[in-house]
C-alpha atoms as a PDB file:
ATOM      1  CA  UNK A   1      16.685   2.968  10.615  1.00  0.00           C
ATOM      2  CA  UNK A   2      16.685  -0.834  10.788  1.00  0.00           C
ATOM      3  CA  UNK A   3      14.815  -2.667   8.057  1.00  0.00           C
ATOM      4  CA  UNK A   4      12.269  -5.420   8.546  1.00  0.00           C
ATOM      5  CA  UNK A   5      12.536  -6.855   5.058  1.00  0.00           C
ATOM      6  CA  UNK A   6      15.369  -7.858   2.793  1.00  0.00           C
ATOM      7  CA  UNK A   7      13.821  -7.376  -0.634  1.00  0.00           C
ATOM      8  CA  UNK A   8      17.214  -6.832  -2.253  1.00  0.00           C
ATOM      9  CA  UNK A   9      20.928  -7.339  -1.719  1.00  0.00           C
ATOM     10  CA  UNK A  10      21.138  -3.561  -1.842  1.00  0.00           C
ATOM     11  CA  UNK A  11      20.462  -2.085   1.613  1.00  0.00           C
ATOM     12  CA  UNK A  12      19.456   1.211   0.004  1.00  0.00           C
ATOM     13  CA  UNK A  13      16.581  -0.550  -1.774  1.00  0.00           C
ATOM     14  CA  UNK A  14      15.478  -2.125   1.509  1.00  0.00           C
ATOM     15  CA  UNK A  15      15.481   1.244   3.243  1.00  0.00           C
ATOM     16  CA  UNK A  16      13.610   2.896   0.375  1.00  0.00           C
ATOM     17  CA  UNK A  17      10.846   0.267   0.321  1.00  0.00           C
ATOM     18  CA  UNK A  18      10.326   0.336   4.085  1.00  0.00           C
ATOM     19  CA  UNK A  19      10.372   4.133   4.192  1.00  0.00           C
ATOM     20  CA  UNK A  20       7.704   4.300   1.480  1.00  0.00           C
ATOM     21  CA  UNK A  21       5.687   1.670   3.312  1.00  0.00           C
ATOM     22  CA  UNK A  22       5.472   3.723   6.478  1.00  0.00           C
ATOM     23  CA  UNK A  23       4.752   6.865   4.476  1.00  0.00           C
ATOM     24  CA  UNK A  24       1.737   5.203   2.838  1.00  0.00           C
ATOM     25  CA  UNK A  25       0.600   4.077   6.288  1.00  0.00           C
ATOM     26  CA  UNK A  26       0.968   7.674   7.497  1.00  0.00           C
ATOM     27  CA  UNK A  27      -1.507   8.741   4.804  1.00  0.00           C
ATOM     28  CA  UNK A  28      -4.251   7.117   6.886  1.00  0.00           C
ATOM     29  CA  UNK A  29      -3.671   9.434   9.851  1.00  0.00           C
ATOM     30  CA  UNK A  30      -3.123  12.733   8.053  1.00  0.00           C
ATOM     31  CA  UNK A  31      -5.858  15.278   8.833  1.00  0.00           C
ATOM     32  CA  UNK A  32      -6.417  15.793   5.094  1.00  0.00           C
ATOM     33  CA  UNK A  33      -9.659  14.544   3.506  1.00  0.00           C
ATOM     34  CA  UNK A  34      -8.950  11.863   0.931  1.00  0.00           C
ATOM     35  CA  UNK A  35      -5.219  11.749   1.678  1.00  0.00           C
ATOM     36  CA  UNK A  36      -5.152   7.949   1.295  1.00  0.00           C
ATOM     37  CA  UNK A  37      -6.562   8.192  -2.216  1.00  0.00           C
ATOM     38  CA  UNK A  38      -4.544  11.172  -3.399  1.00  0.00           C
ATOM     39  CA  UNK A  39      -1.135  10.301  -1.982  1.00  0.00           C
ATOM     40  CA  UNK A  40      -0.669   6.580  -2.471  1.00  0.00           C
ATOM     41  CA  UNK A  41       0.125   6.481  -6.190  1.00  0.00           C
ATOM     42  CA  UNK A  42       2.815   9.211  -6.031  1.00  0.00           C
ATOM     43  CA  UNK A  43       4.474   7.239  -3.224  1.00  0.00           C
ATOM     44  CA  UNK A  44       4.285   3.946  -5.128  1.00  0.00           C
ATOM     45  CA  UNK A  45       5.562   5.545  -8.332  1.00  0.00           C
ATOM     46  CA  UNK A  46       8.440   7.276  -6.536  1.00  0.00           C
ATOM     47  CA  UNK A  47       9.379   4.011  -4.861  1.00  0.00           C
ATOM     48  CA  UNK A  48       9.444   2.052  -8.130  1.00  0.00           C
ATOM     49  CA  UNK A  49      11.438   4.794  -9.918  1.00  0.00           C
ATOM     50  CA  UNK A  50      13.920   4.728  -7.034  1.00  0.00           C
ATOM     51  CA  UNK A  51      14.219   0.943  -7.124  1.00  0.00           C
ATOM     52  CA  UNK A  52      14.832   1.067 -10.875  1.00  0.00           C
ATOM     53  CA  UNK A  53      17.593   3.646 -10.390  1.00  0.00           C
ATOM     54  CA  UNK A  54      19.381   1.422  -7.888  1.00  0.00           C
ATOM     55  CA  UNK A  55      19.404  -1.333 -10.505  1.00  0.00           C
ATOM     56  CA  UNK A  56      20.761   1.004 -13.160  1.00  0.00           C
ATOM     57  CA  UNK A  57      17.506   1.736 -15.014  1.00  0.00           C
ATOM     58  CA  UNK A  58      16.249   5.230 -15.794  1.00  0.00           C
ATOM     59  CA  UNK A  59      12.490   4.789 -15.420  1.00  0.00           C
ATOM     60  CA  UNK A  60       9.892   7.466 -16.148  1.00  0.00           C
ATOM     61  CA  UNK A  61       6.904   8.016 -13.888  1.00  0.00           C
ATOM     62  CA  UNK A  62       4.641   6.755 -16.664  1.00  0.00           C
ATOM     63  CA  UNK A  63       6.633   3.528 -17.017  1.00  0.00           C
ATOM     64  CA  UNK A  64       6.647   3.084 -13.244  1.00  0.00           C
ATOM     65  CA  UNK A  65       2.866   3.480 -13.179  1.00  0.00           C
ATOM     66  CA  UNK A  66       2.532   0.865 -15.923  1.00  0.00           C
ATOM     67  CA  UNK A  67       4.699  -1.572 -13.952  1.00  0.00           C
ATOM     68  CA  UNK A  68       2.658  -1.028 -10.780  1.00  0.00           C
ATOM     69  CA  UNK A  69      -0.552  -1.765 -12.651  1.00  0.00           C
ATOM     70  CA  UNK A  70       1.072  -4.796 -14.287  1.00  0.00           C
ATOM     71  CA  UNK A  71       2.065  -6.130 -10.870  1.00  0.00           C
ATOM     72  CA  UNK A  72      -1.477  -5.602  -9.613  1.00  0.00           C
ATOM     73  CA  UNK A  73      -2.981  -7.438 -12.569  1.00  0.00           C
ATOM     74  CA  UNK A  74      -0.506 -10.319 -12.372  1.00  0.00           C
ATOM     75  CA  UNK A  75      -0.832 -10.971  -8.643  1.00  0.00           C
ATOM     76  CA  UNK A  76      -4.607 -10.613  -8.794  1.00  0.00           C
ATOM     77  CA  UNK A  77      -4.605  -7.695  -6.390  1.00  0.00           C
ATOM     78  CA  UNK A  78      -7.337  -5.474  -7.774  1.00  0.00           C
ATOM     79  CA  UNK A  79      -6.729  -3.174  -4.815  1.00  0.00           C
ATOM     80  CA  UNK A  80      -3.197  -2.164  -5.812  1.00  0.00           C
ATOM     81  CA  UNK A  81      -2.458   1.533  -6.221  1.00  0.00           C
ATOM     82  CA  UNK A  82      -5.336   4.009  -6.117  1.00  0.00           C
ATOM     83  CA  UNK A  83      -7.923   1.230  -5.860  1.00  0.00           C
ATOM     84  CA  UNK A  84      -6.189  -0.057  -2.752  1.00  0.00           C
ATOM     85  CA  UNK A  85      -6.239   3.438  -1.319  1.00  0.00           C
ATOM     86  CA  UNK A  86      -9.916   3.896  -2.095  1.00  0.00           C
ATOM     87  CA  UNK A  87     -10.850   0.681  -0.309  1.00  0.00           C
ATOM     88  CA  UNK A  88      -8.583   1.420   2.631  1.00  0.00           C
ATOM     89  CA  UNK A  89     -10.019   4.911   2.934  1.00  0.00           C
ATOM     90  CA  UNK A  90     -13.542   3.551   3.084  1.00  0.00           C
ATOM     91  CA  UNK A  91     -12.511   1.488   6.083  1.00  0.00           C
ATOM     92  CA  UNK A  92     -11.161   4.478   7.986  1.00  0.00           C
ATOM     93  CA  UNK A  93     -14.082   4.747  10.344  1.00  0.00           C
ATOM     94  CA  UNK A  94     -13.558   6.210  13.816  1.00  0.00           C
ATOM     95  CA  UNK A  95     -11.060   3.964  15.583  1.00  0.00           C
ATOM     96  CA  UNK A  96     -10.445   1.721  12.578  1.00  0.00           C
ATOM     97  CA  UNK A  97      -7.488   3.453  10.911  1.00  0.00           C
ATOM     98  CA  UNK A  98      -4.833   1.709  12.966  1.00  0.00           C
ATOM     99  CA  UNK A  99      -6.661  -1.608  12.866  1.00  0.00           C
ATOM    100  CA  UNK A 100      -6.957  -2.171   9.121  1.00  0.00           C
ATOM    101  CA  UNK A 101      -6.077   0.716   6.836  1.00  0.00           C
ATOM    102  CA  UNK A 102      -2.551   1.563   8.015  1.00  0.00           C
ATOM    103  CA  UNK A 103      -1.165  -2.010   8.157  1.00  0.00           C
ATOM    104  CA  UNK A 104      -2.890  -2.777   4.865  1.00  0.00           C
ATOM    105  CA  UNK A 105      -1.361   0.235   3.114  1.00  0.00           C
ATOM    106  CA  UNK A 106       2.059  -0.570   4.570  1.00  0.00           C
ATOM    107  CA  UNK A 107       1.982  -4.257   3.647  1.00  0.00           C
ATOM    108  CA  UNK A 108       0.709  -3.671   0.119  1.00  0.00           C
ATOM    109  CA  UNK A 109       3.414  -1.087  -0.507  1.00  0.00           C
ATOM    110  CA  UNK A 110       6.150  -3.442   0.676  1.00  0.00           C
ATOM    111  CA  UNK A 111       4.701  -6.235  -1.442  1.00  0.00           C
ATOM    112  CA  UNK A 112       4.780  -4.015  -4.543  1.00  0.00           C
ATOM    113  CA  UNK A 113       8.335  -2.940  -3.704  1.00  0.00           C
ATOM    114  CA  UNK A 114       9.448  -6.520  -3.217  1.00  0.00           C
ATOM    115  CA  UNK A 115       8.073  -7.604  -6.601  1.00  0.00           C
ATOM    116  CA  UNK A 116       9.480  -4.530  -8.350  1.00  0.00           C
ATOM    117  CA  UNK A 117      12.919  -5.186  -6.862  1.00  0.00           C
ATOM    118  CA  UNK A 118      12.864  -8.804  -8.033  1.00  0.00           C
ATOM    119  CA  UNK A 119      11.612  -7.662 -11.444  1.00  0.00           C
ATOM    120  CA  UNK A 120      14.577  -5.360 -12.016  1.00  0.00           C
ATOM    121  CA  UNK A 121      17.065  -7.793 -10.453  1.00  0.00           C
ATOM    122  CA  UNK A 122      15.935 -10.400 -12.973  1.00  0.00           C
ATOM    123  CA  UNK A 123      15.751  -7.961 -15.898  1.00  0.00           C
ATOM    124  CA  UNK A 124      11.999  -8.416 -16.209  1.00  0.00           C
ATOM    125  CA  UNK A 125      12.121 -12.209 -16.488  1.00  0.00           C
ATOM    126  CA  UNK A 126      10.045 -12.851 -13.359  1.00  0.00           C
ATOM    127  CA  UNK A 127       7.216 -15.311 -14.005  1.00  0.00           C
ATOM    128  CA  UNK A 128       3.620 -14.645 -13.014  1.00  0.00           C
ATOM    129  CA  UNK A 129       3.753 -17.390 -10.371  1.00  0.00           C
ATOM    130  CA  UNK A 130       6.955 -15.957  -8.913  1.00  0.00           C
ATOM    131  CA  UNK A 131       5.383 -12.507  -8.760  1.00  0.00           C
ATOM    132  CA  UNK A 132       2.251 -13.811  -7.053  1.00  0.00           C
ATOM    133  CA  UNK A 133       4.161 -15.879  -4.502  1.00  0.00           C
ATOM    134  CA  UNK A 134       6.526 -13.053  -3.628  1.00  0.00           C
ATOM    135  CA  UNK A 135       3.713 -10.533  -3.363  1.00  0.00           C
ATOM    136  CA  UNK A 136       1.605 -12.734  -1.080  1.00  0.00           C
ATOM    137  CA  UNK A 137       4.523 -13.773   1.128  1.00  0.00           C
ATOM    138  CA  UNK A 138       5.625 -10.181   1.628  1.00  0.00           C
ATOM    139  CA  UNK A 139       2.068  -8.969   2.206  1.00  0.00           C
ATOM    140  CA  UNK A 140       1.481 -11.485   4.991  1.00  0.00           C
ATOM    141  CA  UNK A 141       4.774 -10.883   6.762  1.00  0.00           C
ATOM    142  CA  UNK A 142       4.533  -7.106   6.487  1.00  0.00           C
ATOM    143  CA  UNK A 143       1.093  -7.003   8.093  1.00  0.00           C
ATOM    144  CA  UNK A 144       2.368  -9.100  10.984  1.00  0.00           C
ATOM    145  CA  UNK A 145       5.489  -6.992  11.544  1.00  0.00           C
ATOM    146  CA  UNK A 146       3.944  -3.551  11.024  1.00  0.00           C
ATOM    147  CA  UNK A 147       5.004  -1.107  13.739  1.00  0.00           C
ATOM    148  CA  UNK A 148       2.462   1.736  14.058  1.00  0.00           C
ATOM    149  CA  UNK A 149       4.840   4.075  15.866  1.00  0.00           C
ATOM    150  CA  UNK A 150       7.029   4.259  12.755  1.00  0.00           C
ATOM    151  CA  UNK A 151       4.266   5.761  10.633  1.00  0.00           C
ATOM    152  CA  UNK A 152       4.007   8.618  13.137  1.00  0.00           C
ATOM    153  CA  UNK A 153       7.617   9.765  12.989  1.00  0.00           C
ATOM    154  CA  UNK A 154       8.419  13.075  11.352  1.00  0.00           C
ATOM    155  CA  UNK A 155      10.015  11.612   8.220  1.00  0.00           C
ATOM    156  CA  UNK A 156       7.043   9.350   7.404  1.00  0.00           C
ATOM    157  CA  UNK A 157       4.547  12.148   8.013  1.00  0.00           C
ATOM    158  CA  UNK A 158       6.538  14.639   5.923  1.00  0.00           C
ATOM    159  CA  UNK A 159       6.839  12.155   3.040  1.00  0.00           C
ATOM    160  CA  UNK A 160       3.097  11.453   3.205  1.00  0.00           C
ATOM    161  CA  UNK A 161       2.258  15.163   3.146  1.00  0.00           C
ATOM    162  CA  UNK A 162       4.559  15.722   0.164  1.00  0.00           C
ATOM    163  CA  UNK A 163       2.886  12.844  -1.701  1.00  0.00           C
ATOM    164  CA  UNK A 164      -0.563  14.338  -1.108  1.00  0.00           C
ATOM    165  CA  UNK A 165       0.665  17.693  -2.426  1.00  0.00           C
ATOM    166  CA  UNK A 166       2.121  15.922  -5.468  1.00  0.00           C
ATOM    167  CA  UNK A 167      -1.141  14.076  -6.056  1.00  0.00           C
ATOM    168  CA  UNK A 168      -3.177  17.257  -5.765  1.00  0.00           C
ATOM    169  CA  UNK A 169      -0.867  19.068  -8.179  1.00  0.00           C
ATOM    170  CA  UNK A 170      -1.152  16.307 -10.775  1.00  0.00           C
ATOM    171  CA  UNK A 171      -4.928  16.141 -10.497  1.00  0.00           C
ATOM    172  CA  UNK A 172      -5.200  13.076  -8.280  1.00  0.00           C
ATOM    173  CA  UNK A 173      -8.583  11.394  -7.861  1.00  0.00           C
ATOM    174  CA  UNK A 174     -10.987  13.180  -5.536  1.00  0.00           C
ATOM    175  CA  UNK A 175     -12.046  11.376  -2.392  1.00  0.00           C
ATOM    176  CA  UNK A 176     -15.131   9.241  -2.804  1.00  0.00           C
ATOM    177  CA  UNK A 177     -18.058   9.980  -0.526  1.00  0.00           C
ATOM    178  CA  UNK A 178     -18.232   7.807   2.568  1.00  0.00           C
ATOM    179  CA  UNK A 179     -20.524   4.867   2.046  1.00  0.00           C
ATOM    180  CA  UNK A 180     -22.793   4.637   5.086  1.00  0.00           C
ATOM    181  CA  UNK A 181     -24.383   1.362   4.024  1.00  0.00           C
ATOM    182  CA  UNK A 182     -23.199  -1.308   6.505  1.00  0.00           C
ATOM    183  CA  UNK A 183     -24.123  -4.086   4.068  1.00  0.00           C
ATOM    184  CA  UNK A 184     -21.749  -2.619   1.479  1.00  0.00           C
ATOM    185  CA  UNK A 185     -18.992  -2.343   4.097  1.00  0.00           C
ATOM    186  CA  UNK A 186     -19.474  -5.942   5.122  1.00  0.00           C
ATOM    187  CA  UNK A 187     -19.370  -6.998   1.475  1.00  0.00           C
ATOM    188  CA  UNK A 188     -16.069  -5.173   0.934  1.00  0.00           C
ATOM    189  CA  UNK A 189     -14.619  -6.753   4.062  1.00  0.00           C
ATOM    190  CA  UNK A 190     -15.683 -10.202   2.875  1.00  0.00           C
ATOM    191  CA  UNK A 191     -14.046  -9.583  -0.505  1.00  0.00           C
ATOM    192  CA  UNK A 192     -10.783  -8.626   1.203  1.00  0.00           C
ATOM    193  CA  UNK A 193     -10.939 -11.811   3.274  1.00  0.00           C
ATOM    194  CA  UNK A 194     -11.637 -14.002   0.247  1.00  0.00           C
ATOM    195  CA  UNK A 195      -8.725 -12.429  -1.666  1.00  0.00           C
ATOM    196  CA  UNK A 196      -6.428 -13.196   1.265  1.00  0.00           C
ATOM    197  CA  UNK A 197      -5.695  -9.518   1.850  1.00  0.00           C
ATOM    198  CA  UNK A 198      -6.927  -9.583   5.449  1.00  0.00           C
ATOM    199  CA  UNK A 199      -6.962 -12.392   7.994  1.00  0.00           C
ATOM    200  CA  UNK A 200     -10.009 -13.933   9.651  1.00  0.00           C
ATOM    201  CA  UNK A 201      -9.410 -12.069  12.919  1.00  0.00           C
ATOM    202  CA  UNK A 202      -9.186  -8.779  11.035  1.00  0.00           C
ATOM    203  CA  UNK A 203     -12.447  -9.555   9.247  1.00  0.00           C
ATOM    204  CA  UNK A 204     -14.112 -10.451  12.551  1.00  0.00           C
ATOM    205  CA  UNK A 205     -12.973  -7.151  14.089  1.00  0.00           C
ATOM    206  CA  UNK A 206     -14.222  -5.210  11.076  1.00  0.00           C
ATOM    207  CA  UNK A 207     -17.557  -7.009  11.128  1.00  0.00           C
ATOM    208  CA  UNK A 208     -18.002  -6.326  14.843  1.00  0.00           C
ATOM    209  CA  UNK A 209     -17.206  -2.610  14.448  1.00  0.00           C
ATOM    210  CA  UNK A 210     -19.461  -2.216  11.409  1.00  0.00           C
ATOM    211  CA  UNK A 211     -22.386  -3.903  13.148  1.00  0.00           C
ATOM    212  CA  UNK A 212     -21.851  -1.737  16.229  1.00  0.00           C
ATOM    213  CA  UNK A 213     -22.159   1.363  14.037  1.00  0.00           C
ATOM    214  CA  UNK A 214     -25.677   0.459  12.912  1.00  0.00           C
END
């Protein structure tokens, strides 16, 4: 499997990050209620533990979770991890999964993987500005280069299903009820735009679809 992103000099790290990215995207098309919310953190944690191993660090799941949350706080991405999944899930309206949620999940996962790889490569000496710049650069490129057919292959789907099972076993967060208020949906979309997590054309498409659902 060819990789889109070189987040490390180690090709195994690049493959791991991309594979996890497409698995998180596959969560958005699984016929399992709340799969986006339940499965994303196990995938992110497994990815970070794997990255740490490649750099010679034996990281626990708890430490990996702490690092993921630290990355989210540092880069200002309040939607990292389960919060990202919750927001993405709320946007999975009929016909919207492939438009926003899947590329968003994929890009955010690659951005986290890119920062985590740089973190371990630099023995934790990455500055906040370096983390933010790397996260945002990777996020933008990953959304542009996302290939939806890759999230539908058997490996990505199987990894997504395993992550949901893992999340359910460990008492993952239950799916939130769908918010039918179009004003609230528009507000969330605007927040994503203002944070730079979606582009203007993506916001316009979301706004059009939300208004059509009224």
